[in-house]
Amino acid sequence: MGLSPTIARPLQLITRFLQWSSAVIVMGLTSYFIHRGPRGQHTIYQEVISTISVVFFLPAFVSPFFPSSLSRLVLAIDVVFSYLWLTAFIFAAQDYDRGNCREAIPAGLDCKRKNANEAFIFLAFIFTFFGMILEVVALWYYRNENSTSNRSATEDKVNHAARQPMDAPAAPAGTV
């Protein structure tokens, strides 16, 4: 049976909203970390990825409605950003899960915010991954629908070509 386009479109929109919201939350938390203390390379990386994501994820909200023109672009964005978010999650896990969380940059902040940042980084990654899968499914359905309609038009042309032309002489009477 599979995932029909009527179910896939709302799922895409929900996934895209959660993806974008996670990126916005990571951007806010990381901005707070940068404001409060020393800036580490991992914190700057997370800030850059979240800020760029907030902008680059916007076409994904429209792609379910225009699969022919936007799906390839959104799919490429998803592939690239899934790796970038995975890297950001690895950096956050290295910073906050080893040793004492309070000593990680920015030092002195409680671990609740750092763990929340790590969790939302993971959510941004996983929703980007799910969005990529849903985009592939939607693109497959779109191409399948269009190739079926093109195929039937081609079959009609082939069937008409196999018939005798309309202006051909009629068969002599009595030979049917």
Foldseek 3Di string as FASTA:
>chain_A
DDDDLVRLLVVLLVLLVLLLVLLVLLLVLLVVLVVPAPDDPLSVLSNVLSVVCNVQSVVSNCCSVPVVPCLVVLLVVLVVSLVSLVVSLVVLCVQQVPDHNCCGRVHNDDSVSSVSSSVSSVSSNVSSVVSNVSSVVSNVVVVVVVVVVVVVVVVVVVVVVPDDDPPDDDDDPPPD
